[in-house]
Every structure is written in C-alpha cells, then in structure tokens.
Amino acid sequence: MLSEGARVLAVDDVPANVEVLESMLTPYGYDVTGALSANEALESISARLPDIVLVDVVMPGVDGLELCRTLRADPSTRFLPIILITAGGERQRVQGLTAGADDFLVKPIDRGELLARVRSLVRIKDYHDTMQRQADELAAWNRRLETRVQEQVEQLQRLGRLRQFLSPQVADLLISTEGETLLETHRRQIAVVSCSLPGFRALAETSAPEEVVGLLSEYYLAVGNISFGYSASVGPFAGDRVSLYFNDPLPVDNPADQAITLALALRSRMYDVSDAWSRRGLSPGFAVGIDVGYATLGTLGFAGRQEYAAVGLVVDVATGLSEQARAGQILATDRALAGVSGAVDVGPARQVALPGFTRTVSVVEVRSAGDRPRGAHDAALQGPLSEREREVVGLIARGYSNREIAQQLTIAEGTAVRHVANILNKLGFRSRAQVAVWAVQHNEAAVWAG
C-alpha cells in the first residue's frame, strides 16, 4: 500500500480510544504510537516525527485545539498532517480549521472513513516531503553553484592581476590561490634585463605627445610579445624603461642564459621595429642592460593598483647599463656573463661609471650567442639551422615580414619572431637584410616552396 509503514501518533486522554485507533490502523501496515496528553504528544513528536497526528479535541489541560496551534507555530511541524477527532458540531469544526487542522473525524469513528482520510493526508505529506527534499537539493545545488561562480570570479580576478606582469603560461601556473602566494614579498637571486630607448628624451622633446604615446605602445607591444615567449616576468613600465626578470616568481634553470638569449631576441625584433620607425622619421634606438644578483620582489602599491616589481642593486645596475648603452648595444656585467653556460661573443671588458654609484662596474658588450667572429658566414653555418629555420630564411629572403612568415607557415607570430631571432643569433647578423643576402649567397632563398 501507498501508506504502508507510515507513522501515526494517536493522542487521546482515554487509553481505550487510543487502542481502538491502533486496532483499526495496525492491520494495514501503519506504525501507531499512543500519547495520553498534549505534553506527552509533544515529547513523542520531538523524539520521533510522525507522518500524521490523530488528536481528540476534548482533553484535560491542553486540549486538541491548543495542541494543533502549538504544532502549527513550530516550523518543524508546520506541515504535519493533523486530523481532529470530535463529537461536537459545526462550531467545533470551524475552531479546528482556525487552529490549523487538516481534516476531521466524528465519533463514533468509521474504519473505512478513518483509513481513507489517513491515507489521503499521508499521500499529500509524501508529495510535500518530496517537493521539500527537491527544494532543499535545489537550494544546495544553487549554493554550490554560487560558490563555484564566486571561485571562478576570484580566479579570473587573480588571473587578471597576474597577467598584468607575467607571461600567460606563468600566469596560468599561478592561477591557484596557493600560487598567488609566490607573489608575496621575498628575496631571490634574479637576472634583470633592462630595456631603454637611448634617443627617447630627444624624440619626446621634438614630437607630438600622440606620436610619442604611439611609439611607446608599439615598443611595449614588441618587448612584451618577445618576453612572454621566453616566460619572462615584466616589471613596471617607466617611460622608455622596461624591466624584465628571470627566476621569479617561478624559478628557471639558468637565469643568465635566459637573460642573454632574450636580450638578443629583443634586439633582433627591435631592428624591425626601428626600421618602421625610421620610415616615419623616428630613431630612438634600442639598448639593453643585464645584471644578475639578489633582489627583494613582490607586489608593490595599494588596494586596486599594484605592480609586480623587484627592488635592489641588481635592478639599479641593469637600468644604469641600459641608459649608458648606445643604440643597438647589449651591456652585461661580469657576474651576469659568469652565469652563462654557453659560448657568447662579447667585446672586451671595461669599467663603466654609472650615475649615483661610487664604484665603477665591469661590463662587456654582448654581440651574439656564439663564439664566432662576425663575418664568418660560410656554408658550414647551414648545419645549425633547423629545417623550420631554413624555411624562415627563405621567406626573409623574399621580403616577408614576421606576420607574413607566421601566416605562410601557419605558426604564431611570436614563434616566427623567435625563429628570426634564433637565425640572427646563429648567423651572427644584426639585420634581416644581412640574412637575405646570406640566403641568396648560399642558395637558401629557394628552400621554402610554399
């Protein structure tokens, strides 16, 4: 049966009446519990909630009507089905409805009517319990969904903050709450690559502000795209000065190697950018300073406006070198060069006096990532070039830009830029024009057959 096993609480001050109800319901599978007073009924309900209550209206002390009101006032029993058993007339029924009763039985009780009314109210309670359970489950799902949405929002906010000064791949690694703790203030050895435009001040004096802003935007974009390709962390922008860090917030195997490689790639890319600027009558140049040492790093600023930055002598030295360098130069300290694992073509060491420093700094000019003297570009150099790099050389010889190379080879523009930088470094050239001439001389112009 639908109501089989339903729990029934029978409340009557006359034990015989309780026994009558029990004898009528028990054979049909109902679990009947008796209570001889309203207080006893409340204790029973508190201990074990029934599915339905049968209560006599007339009882000494707290009667059935008052018990009904008490149950309706309690949120836990507000929807508990209640049948009032009465020997009274219409007025008592009205009082019962007002008190919150769901149905009535008139003495003497008819078994069939009792079973029908109990079965009907228990079925309604089953429906109510099912809907309540589903509503609770839906509310729980909504709370979980709200929590997940909030977590996603916070995650996006963290990602947005991280992407301000980290490469996309590094930001993705730091997206977790635990990862963001890496940005708390700490001390670490880093390699600093400081970029500047030597002729920027003079250019700013003679150019319209809009033109200067446009140039800086192109400069930041070029430096940022290359830097992200090498997983460098980007420090604050200050006019023409851009600071890039290696080994923080995530460690790298050899910060000095990474710094030298990035600096050469940046110089290669800025040759192309400078060519475009020169056609507009702008020639700020591009220079780099590199140093390795300990710094204090973390986010600086205030709520709503923070930047990731490094503070320390290593930053000041790298910045000073970039300001002392001429256009096209990469100046690195001896300690930066000492950390480089591969061969690097450098100029002779010299002492440089940096503004604000009491002692000179020993520096060298980094020319290329190899120990070959410039001009030694014979056929033997074809070996180090990969097949993809040879394809890029062929496209350079045909006059393709980095973007056009990326389109032709179906690769990202940043990847094309890195290929060009690697080619320049391997061949020891400073410009794409030199690569084009070398390609024709060594029959590399026909390698790409797209």
Protein backbone atom coordinates (compact mmCIF):
# COMPACT_ATOMS: atom_id res chain seq x y z
CA MET A 1 0.00 0.00 0.00
CA LEU A 2 1.00 3.60 -0.54
CA SER A 3 0.81 4.40 3.19
CA GLU A 4 2.32 1.17 4.41
CA GLY A 5 4.75 1.83 7.24
CA ALA A 6 3.55 5.39 7.83
CA ARG A 7 3.98 6.55 11.42
CA VAL A 8 0.77 7.60 13.19
CA LEU A 9 0.57 9.39 16.55
CA ALA A 10 -2.80 8.88 18.28
CA VAL A 11 -3.47 11.43 21.06
CA ASP A 12 -6.36 10.84 23.48
CA ASP A 13 -6.61 11.02 27.26
CA VAL A 14 -8.64 7.79 27.20
CA PRO A 15 -6.33 4.77 26.66
CA ALA A 16 -9.18 2.71 25.24
CA ASN A 17 -9.70 5.22 22.45
CA VAL A 18 -6.02 5.01 21.55
CA GLU A 19 -6.28 1.23 21.46
CA VAL A 20 -9.28 1.44 19.11
CA LEU A 21 -7.35 3.59 16.66
CA GLU A 22 -4.38 1.26 16.88
CA SER A 23 -6.55 -1.79 16.18
CA MET A 24 -8.02 -0.13 13.09
CA LEU A 25 -4.73 1.02 11.58
CA THR A 26 -2.11 -1.56 12.52
CA PRO A 27 -3.54 -4.33 10.26
CA TYR A 28 -2.99 -2.00 7.29
CA GLY A 29 0.69 -1.52 7.96
CA TYR A 30 0.60 1.68 9.96
CA ASP A 31 3.05 2.16 12.84
CA VAL A 32 0.84 3.59 15.62
CA THR A 33 2.18 5.31 18.74
CA GLY A 34 -0.10 6.49 21.53
CA ALA A 35 0.00 9.61 23.74
CA LEU A 36 -2.40 10.32 26.64
CA SER A 37 -1.89 14.10 26.79
CA ALA A 38 -0.77 17.05 24.70
CA ASN A 39 2.53 17.29 26.58
CA GLU A 40 3.21 13.59 26.06
CA ALA A 41 2.39 14.06 22.38
CA LEU A 42 4.88 16.94 22.06
CA GLU A 43 7.59 14.84 23.70
CA SER A 44 6.86 11.96 21.33
CA ILE A 45 6.95 14.27 18.29
CA SER A 46 10.23 15.76 19.46
CA ALA A 47 11.74 12.30 19.79
CA ARG A 48 10.39 10.91 16.53
CA LEU A 49 8.44 12.92 13.98
CA PRO A 50 5.29 11.07 12.87
CA ASP A 51 3.74 11.19 9.40
CA ILE A 52 0.29 12.13 10.75
CA VAL A 53 -1.34 13.03 14.09
CA LEU A 54 -4.83 11.94 15.23
CA VAL A 55 -5.88 14.05 18.21
CA ASP A 56 -9.04 14.21 20.28
CA VAL A 57 -10.39 17.72 20.66
CA VAL A 58 -11.57 17.36 24.25
CA MET A 59 -8.75 16.59 26.70
CA PRO A 60 -7.95 17.87 30.20
CA GLY A 61 -5.29 20.58 30.40
CA VAL A 62 -4.08 21.37 26.91
CA ASP A 63 -6.84 20.28 24.56
CA GLY A 64 -6.61 19.18 20.95
CA LEU A 65 -7.18 22.67 19.54
CA GLU A 66 -4.31 24.16 21.57
CA LEU A 67 -2.04 21.25 20.60
CA CYS A 68 -2.91 21.93 16.97
CA ARG A 69 -1.97 25.62 17.36
CA THR A 70 1.32 24.67 19.03
CA LEU A 71 2.27 22.31 16.20
CA ARG A 72 1.44 24.89 13.54
CA ALA A 73 3.57 27.51 15.29
CA ASP A 74 6.64 25.26 15.17
CA PRO A 75 8.45 25.36 11.76
CA SER A 76 9.43 21.70 12.10
CA THR A 77 5.76 20.58 12.40
CA ARG A 78 4.06 23.35 10.45
CA PHE A 79 3.11 20.99 7.62
CA LEU A 80 2.50 17.88 9.73
CA PRO A 81 -0.98 16.46 8.83
CA ILE A 82 -3.45 16.70 11.74
CA ILE A 83 -6.86 15.05 11.98
CA LEU A 84 -9.09 16.25 14.82
CA ILE A 85 -11.44 13.69 16.36
CA THR A 86 -14.57 15.38 17.63
CA ALA A 87 -18.04 14.64 18.87
CA GLY A 88 -19.05 18.28 18.51
CA GLY A 89 -20.84 20.08 15.76
CA GLU A 90 -20.07 22.68 13.10
CA ARG A 91 -18.72 25.28 15.52
CA GLN A 92 -16.01 22.92 16.81
CA ARG A 93 -15.00 22.15 13.23
CA VAL A 94 -14.60 25.84 12.47
CA GLN A 95 -12.44 26.21 15.58
CA GLY A 96 -10.38 23.25 14.42
CA LEU A 97 -9.82 24.73 10.96
CA THR A 98 -8.83 28.02 12.54
CA ALA A 99 -6.34 26.20 14.78
CA GLY A 100 -4.77 24.55 11.71
CA ALA A 101 -6.37 21.10 11.46
CA ASP A 102 -6.33 19.41 8.04
CA ASP A 103 -9.35 17.12 8.46
CA PHE A 104 -11.94 15.79 10.94
CA LEU A 105 -13.33 12.50 12.14
CA VAL A 106 -16.64 12.35 14.00
CA LYS A 107 -17.19 9.88 16.80
CA PRO A 108 -18.01 7.06 16.60
CA ILE A 109 -15.19 6.51 14.13
CA ASP A 110 -15.87 4.56 10.96
CA ARG A 111 -12.92 2.33 9.96
CA GLY A 112 -13.34 2.97 6.24
CA GLU A 113 -13.53 6.73 6.68
CA LEU A 114 -10.52 6.67 9.04
CA LEU A 115 -8.40 4.71 6.56
CA ALA A 116 -9.44 6.92 3.64
CA ARG A 117 -8.65 10.18 5.43
CA VAL A 118 -5.36 8.94 6.88
CA ARG A 119 -4.28 7.50 3.51
CA SER A 120 -5.16 10.75 1.72
CA LEU A 121 -3.25 13.01 4.13
CA VAL A 122 -0.23 10.70 4.26
CA ARG A 123 -0.13 10.74 0.45
CA ILE A 124 -0.24 14.55 0.48
CA LYS A 125 2.56 14.59 3.05
CA ASP A 126 4.60 12.27 0.84
CA TYR A 127 4.18 14.75 -2.01
CA HIS A 128 5.11 17.64 0.26
CA ASP A 129 8.17 15.83 1.61
CA THR A 130 9.28 15.01 -1.93
CA MET A 131 8.92 18.63 -3.04
CA GLN A 132 10.66 19.86 0.11
CA ARG A 133 13.50 17.43 -0.45
CA GLN A 134 13.84 18.53 -4.06
CA ALA A 135 13.70 22.17 -2.99
CA ASP A 136 16.44 21.53 -0.44
CA GLU A 137 18.53 19.75 -3.05
CA LEU A 138 17.99 22.60 -5.50
CA ALA A 139 18.94 25.12 -2.82
CA ALA A 140 22.07 23.11 -2.08
CA TRP A 141 22.94 22.99 -5.79
CA ASN A 142 22.36 26.74 -6.02
CA ARG A 143 24.67 27.33 -3.09
CA ARG A 144 27.32 25.12 -4.68
CA LEU A 145 26.83 26.90 -7.98
CA GLU A 146 27.13 30.30 -6.31
CA THR A 147 30.29 29.12 -4.59
CA ARG A 148 31.74 27.87 -7.88
CA VAL A 149 30.80 31.08 -9.67
CA GLN A 150 32.43 33.10 -6.90
CA GLU A 151 35.51 30.92 -7.11
CA GLN A 152 35.62 31.41 -10.88
CA VAL A 153 35.22 35.17 -10.48
CA GLU A 154 38.02 35.25 -7.92
CA GLN A 155 40.11 33.04 -10.19
CA LEU A 156 39.56 35.39 -13.13
CA GLN A 157 40.41 38.35 -10.92
CA ARG A 158 43.62 36.66 -9.82
CA LEU A 159 44.43 35.75 -13.40
CA GLY A 160 43.78 39.33 -14.47
CA ARG A 161 46.13 40.63 -11.79
CA LEU A 162 48.80 38.08 -12.68
CA ARG A 163 48.59 38.73 -16.42
CA GLN A 164 49.49 42.37 -15.77
CA PHE A 165 53.09 41.41 -15.18
CA LEU A 166 53.55 37.72 -16.07
CA SER A 167 53.62 35.79 -19.29
CA PRO A 168 50.37 33.89 -19.99
CA GLN A 169 51.89 30.49 -19.30
CA VAL A 170 53.35 31.64 -15.98
CA ALA A 171 50.07 33.29 -15.01
CA ASP A 172 48.21 30.07 -15.72
CA LEU A 173 50.56 28.19 -13.41
CA LEU A 174 49.98 30.73 -10.67
CA ILE A 175 46.19 30.90 -11.00
CA SER A 176 45.58 28.82 -7.89
CA THR A 177 45.22 30.56 -4.54
CA GLU A 178 48.40 28.83 -3.39
CA GLY A 179 50.23 30.03 -6.48
CA GLU A 180 49.48 33.66 -5.75
CA THR A 181 51.43 33.38 -2.51
CA LEU A 182 54.54 33.27 -4.70
CA LEU A 183 53.97 36.97 -5.28
CA GLU A 184 54.33 37.83 -1.61
CA THR A 185 57.43 39.85 -0.71
CA HIS A 186 60.56 37.69 -0.73
CA ARG A 187 64.28 37.74 -1.60
CA ARG A 188 65.77 35.82 -4.50
CA GLN A 189 68.61 35.87 -6.99
CA ILE A 190 67.34 37.00 -10.38
CA ALA A 191 68.57 38.07 -13.78
CA VAL A 192 67.38 41.52 -14.81
CA VAL A 193 67.04 42.64 -18.42
CA SER A 194 66.53 46.40 -18.56
CA CYS A 195 65.47 47.90 -21.90
CA SER A 196 65.58 51.53 -22.95
CA LEU A 197 65.40 53.79 -25.99
CA PRO A 198 68.59 55.93 -25.91
CA GLY A 199 67.14 58.68 -28.10
CA PHE A 200 63.75 58.78 -26.41
CA ARG A 201 64.21 62.01 -24.47
CA ALA A 202 65.33 63.93 -27.53
CA LEU A 203 62.48 62.42 -29.54
CA ALA A 204 59.94 63.33 -26.85
CA GLU A 205 61.10 66.96 -26.93
CA THR A 206 60.51 67.33 -30.66
CA SER A 207 57.49 65.07 -31.27
CA ALA A 208 53.79 65.47 -30.61
CA PRO A 209 52.54 63.71 -27.47
CA GLU A 210 50.27 61.50 -29.57
CA GLU A 211 53.23 60.35 -31.64
CA VAL A 212 55.25 59.59 -28.50
CA VAL A 213 52.40 57.59 -27.00
CA GLY A 214 52.01 55.64 -30.24
CA LEU A 215 55.73 54.85 -30.33
CA LEU A 216 55.72 53.69 -26.71
CA SER A 217 52.70 51.47 -27.37
CA GLU A 218 54.50 49.79 -30.28
CA TYR A 219 57.64 49.46 -28.16
CA TYR A 220 55.81 47.90 -25.21
CA LEU A 221 53.97 45.51 -27.53
CA ALA A 222 57.15 44.35 -29.23
CA VAL A 223 59.03 43.86 -25.96
CA GLY A 224 56.03 42.22 -24.29
CA ASN A 225 55.40 39.71 -27.07
CA ILE A 226 59.01 38.58 -27.17
CA SER A 227 59.32 38.49 -23.37
CA PHE A 228 56.20 36.37 -22.97
CA GLY A 229 57.63 33.91 -25.47
CA TYR A 230 60.59 33.44 -23.15
CA SER A 231 58.45 33.28 -19.97
CA ALA A 232 59.97 36.44 -18.55
CA SER A 233 58.21 38.42 -15.83
CA VAL A 234 57.52 42.03 -16.75
CA GLY A 235 58.18 44.76 -14.21
CA PRO A 236 56.77 48.30 -14.17
CA PHE A 237 56.92 50.48 -17.28
CA ALA A 238 58.57 53.87 -16.76
CA GLY A 239 58.65 55.88 -19.96
CA ASP A 240 61.11 54.12 -22.25
CA ARG A 241 62.41 51.83 -19.49
CA VAL A 242 61.09 48.28 -19.23
CA SER A 243 62.43 45.79 -16.68
CA LEU A 244 62.23 42.04 -17.25
CA TYR A 245 63.04 39.39 -14.65
CA PHE A 246 64.09 35.76 -14.77
CA ASN A 247 63.92 33.27 -11.89
CA ASP A 248 60.92 34.84 -10.21
CA PRO A 249 58.16 34.22 -9.39
CA LEU A 250 58.92 30.82 -10.95
CA PRO A 251 62.48 29.51 -10.97
CA VAL A 252 64.37 28.83 -14.21
CA ASP A 253 67.38 26.59 -14.77
CA ASN A 254 69.83 29.31 -15.76
CA PRO A 255 68.63 32.92 -15.40
CA ALA A 256 71.75 34.38 -17.00
CA ASP A 257 71.37 32.20 -20.11
CA GLN A 258 67.72 33.20 -20.38
CA ALA A 259 68.57 36.87 -19.98
CA ILE A 260 71.24 36.85 -22.71
CA THR A 261 69.01 34.89 -25.10
CA LEU A 262 66.08 37.22 -24.51
CA ALA A 263 68.22 40.33 -24.93
CA LEU A 264 69.48 39.13 -28.31
CA ALA A 265 65.95 38.24 -29.41
CA LEU A 266 64.70 41.66 -28.31
CA ARG A 267 67.44 43.43 -30.21
CA SER A 268 66.62 41.43 -33.33
CA ARG A 269 62.93 42.27 -33.06
CA MET A 270 63.63 45.93 -32.36
CA TYR A 271 65.70 46.17 -35.56
CA ASP A 272 62.47 45.55 -37.48
CA VAL A 273 60.52 47.96 -35.29
CA SER A 274 63.23 50.60 -35.67
CA ASP A 275 63.11 50.23 -39.45
CA ALA A 276 59.40 51.05 -39.33
CA TRP A 277 60.06 53.99 -37.01
CA SER A 278 62.82 55.37 -39.22
CA ARG A 279 60.43 55.46 -42.17
CA ARG A 280 58.32 57.81 -40.03
CA GLY A 281 61.33 59.94 -39.17
CA LEU A 282 61.76 58.46 -35.67
CA SER A 283 65.03 56.96 -34.45
CA PRO A 284 65.07 56.41 -30.67
CA GLY A 285 67.28 53.31 -30.93
CA PHE A 286 67.20 50.38 -28.52
CA ALA A 287 69.62 49.31 -25.79
CA VAL A 288 69.76 46.65 -23.08
CA GLY A 289 71.47 46.30 -19.71
CA ILE A 290 71.82 42.93 -17.94
CA ASP A 291 72.83 42.05 -14.40
CA VAL A 292 72.42 39.10 -12.04
CA GLY A 293 72.07 39.40 -8.27
CA TYR A 294 69.76 39.33 -5.28
CA ALA A 295 66.65 41.49 -5.07
CA THR A 296 63.52 41.82 -2.98
CA LEU A 297 60.46 41.03 -5.08
CA GLY A 298 56.70 41.14 -4.71
CA THR A 299 53.68 43.29 -5.40
CA LEU A 300 54.03 46.97 -4.57
CA GLY A 301 51.29 49.57 -4.39
CA PHE A 302 47.92 49.84 -2.74
CA ALA A 303 44.49 48.22 -3.00
CA GLY A 304 43.26 48.39 -6.57
CA ARG A 305 46.63 49.48 -8.00
CA GLN A 306 49.53 47.11 -7.58
CA GLU A 307 52.55 46.21 -9.65
CA TYR A 308 54.96 43.32 -9.52
CA ALA A 309 58.45 44.74 -9.03
CA ALA A 310 61.98 43.96 -7.94
CA VAL A 311 63.95 46.26 -5.66
CA GLY A 312 67.70 46.06 -5.22
CA LEU A 313 71.14 46.90 -6.55
CA VAL A 314 70.82 44.39 -9.39
CA VAL A 315 67.87 46.35 -10.81
CA ASP A 316 69.68 49.67 -10.48
CA VAL A 317 72.79 48.33 -12.22
CA ALA A 318 70.85 46.82 -15.13
CA THR A 319 68.87 50.04 -15.52
CA GLY A 320 72.04 52.14 -15.40
CA LEU A 321 73.69 49.97 -18.05
CA SER A 322 70.73 50.30 -20.41
CA GLU A 323 70.91 54.07 -20.02
CA GLN A 324 74.67 54.09 -20.67
CA ALA A 325 74.46 51.78 -23.70
CA ARG A 326 74.37 53.17 -27.20
CA ALA A 327 71.64 52.23 -29.66
CA GLY A 328 71.95 48.56 -30.59
CA GLN A 329 74.20 47.69 -27.64
CA ILE A 330 73.66 45.00 -25.02
CA LEU A 331 75.79 45.63 -21.94
CA ALA A 332 76.13 42.91 -19.31
CA THR A 333 78.07 42.81 -16.06
CA ASP A 334 80.86 40.31 -15.47
CA ARG A 335 78.75 38.48 -12.90
CA ALA A 336 75.91 38.14 -15.41
CA LEU A 337 78.29 36.74 -18.02
CA ALA A 338 79.82 34.37 -15.46
CA GLY A 339 76.46 32.61 -15.14
CA VAL A 340 76.14 31.92 -18.87
CA SER A 341 76.67 28.25 -19.70
CA GLY A 342 77.08 28.55 -23.47
CA ALA A 343 79.52 30.44 -25.67
CA VAL A 344 78.78 34.13 -26.14
CA ASP A 345 80.52 36.53 -28.49
CA VAL A 346 81.40 39.57 -26.36
CA GLY A 347 83.60 42.61 -26.55
CA PRO A 348 86.46 43.40 -24.17
CA ALA A 349 85.65 44.11 -20.53
CA ARG A 350 85.70 47.73 -19.45
CA GLN A 351 84.86 49.78 -16.40
CA VAL A 352 81.72 51.91 -16.58
CA ALA A 353 80.77 54.65 -14.13
CA LEU A 354 77.04 54.62 -13.51
CA PRO A 355 75.24 57.74 -12.21
CA GLY A 356 74.73 57.53 -8.45
CA PHE A 357 77.30 54.76 -7.94
CA THR A 358 80.55 55.38 -6.08
CA ARG A 359 82.32 52.48 -7.78
CA THR A 360 82.66 51.58 -11.43
CA VAL A 361 81.09 48.43 -12.84
CA SER A 362 82.94 45.93 -15.03
CA VAL A 363 80.85 45.28 -18.15
CA VAL A 364 81.12 43.71 -21.59
CA GLU A 365 79.14 44.20 -24.77
CA VAL A 366 77.22 41.09 -25.81
CA ARG A 367 77.37 40.75 -29.57
CA SER A 368 75.89 37.36 -30.38
CA ALA A 369 75.15 33.97 -28.83
CA GLY A 370 78.21 32.22 -30.20
CA ASP A 371 82.00 32.35 -30.24
CA ARG A 372 82.20 33.01 -34.00
CA PRO A 373 83.70 36.32 -35.13
CA ARG A 374 81.38 38.45 -37.17
CA GLY A 375 81.58 37.88 -40.90
CA ALA A 376 82.31 34.14 -40.70
CA HIS A 377 79.09 33.25 -42.51
CA ASP A 378 80.10 30.44 -44.85
CA ALA A 379 78.26 27.32 -45.97
CA ALA A 380 79.33 25.45 -42.86
CA LEU A 381 76.82 27.52 -40.90
CA GLN A 382 73.90 25.81 -42.62
CA GLY A 383 74.17 22.86 -40.22
CA PRO A 384 72.95 24.60 -37.01
CA LEU A 385 69.82 25.87 -38.77
CA SER A 386 66.80 23.60 -38.36
CA GLU A 387 64.54 22.82 -41.31
CA ARG A 388 61.96 25.27 -40.00
CA GLU A 389 64.60 27.97 -39.60
CA ARG A 390 65.77 27.38 -43.17
CA GLU A 391 62.16 27.86 -44.31
CA VAL A 392 62.08 31.13 -42.40
CA VAL A 393 65.37 32.20 -44.00
CA GLY A 394 63.84 31.57 -47.43
CA LEU A 395 60.85 33.75 -46.57
CA ILE A 396 63.08 36.51 -45.17
CA ALA A 397 64.97 36.49 -48.48
CA ARG A 398 61.63 37.00 -50.25
CA GLY A 399 60.93 40.08 -48.12
CA TYR A 400 58.27 38.58 -45.83
CA SER A 401 57.55 40.28 -42.52
CA ASN A 402 57.27 38.30 -39.28
CA ARG A 403 53.49 38.34 -39.53
CA GLU A 404 53.58 37.14 -43.13
CA ILE A 405 56.04 34.39 -42.19
CA ALA A 406 53.66 33.25 -39.45
CA GLN A 407 50.77 33.18 -41.92
CA GLN A 408 52.71 31.28 -44.56
CA LEU A 409 53.98 28.64 -42.12
CA THR A 410 50.75 28.53 -40.08
CA ILE A 411 52.50 29.36 -36.81
CA ALA A 412 52.05 32.03 -34.16
CA GLU A 413 53.67 35.38 -34.88
CA GLY A 414 55.61 35.09 -31.61
CA THR A 415 57.02 31.77 -32.82
CA ALA A 416 58.06 33.38 -36.09
CA VAL A 417 59.79 36.16 -34.15
CA ARG A 418 61.70 33.60 -32.12
CA HIS A 419 62.78 31.76 -35.27
CA VAL A 420 64.08 35.02 -36.75
CA ALA A 421 65.90 35.84 -33.51
CA ASN A 422 67.49 32.40 -33.42
CA ILE A 423 68.58 32.73 -37.05
CA LEU A 424 70.19 36.11 -36.41
CA ASN A 425 71.95 34.76 -33.35
CA LYS A 426 73.19 31.61 -35.09
CA LEU A 427 74.48 33.53 -38.09
CA GLY A 428 75.77 36.44 -36.01
CA PHE A 429 73.87 39.02 -38.05
CA ARG A 430 72.27 42.22 -36.83
CA SER A 431 69.58 42.66 -39.50
CA ARG A 432 67.20 40.73 -41.71
CA ALA A 433 68.84 42.30 -44.76
CA GLN A 434 72.08 40.50 -43.92
CA VAL A 435 70.15 37.24 -43.62
CA ALA A 436 68.57 37.83 -47.04
CA VAL A 437 71.97 38.42 -48.66
CA TRP A 438 73.40 35.32 -46.95
CA ALA A 439 70.41 33.27 -48.12
CA VAL A 440 71.00 34.25 -51.76
CA GLN A 441 74.72 33.55 -51.49
CA HIS A 442 74.11 30.08 -50.04
CA ASN A 443 71.08 29.17 -52.16
CA GLU A 444 68.76 29.29 -49.15
CA ALA A 445 66.30 31.66 -50.80
CA ALA A 446 64.65 28.74 -52.59
CA VAL A 447 64.29 26.47 -49.55
CA TRP A 448 60.69 27.45 -48.87
CA ALA A 449 58.46 26.14 -51.63
CA GLY A 450 55.02 27.15 -50.36
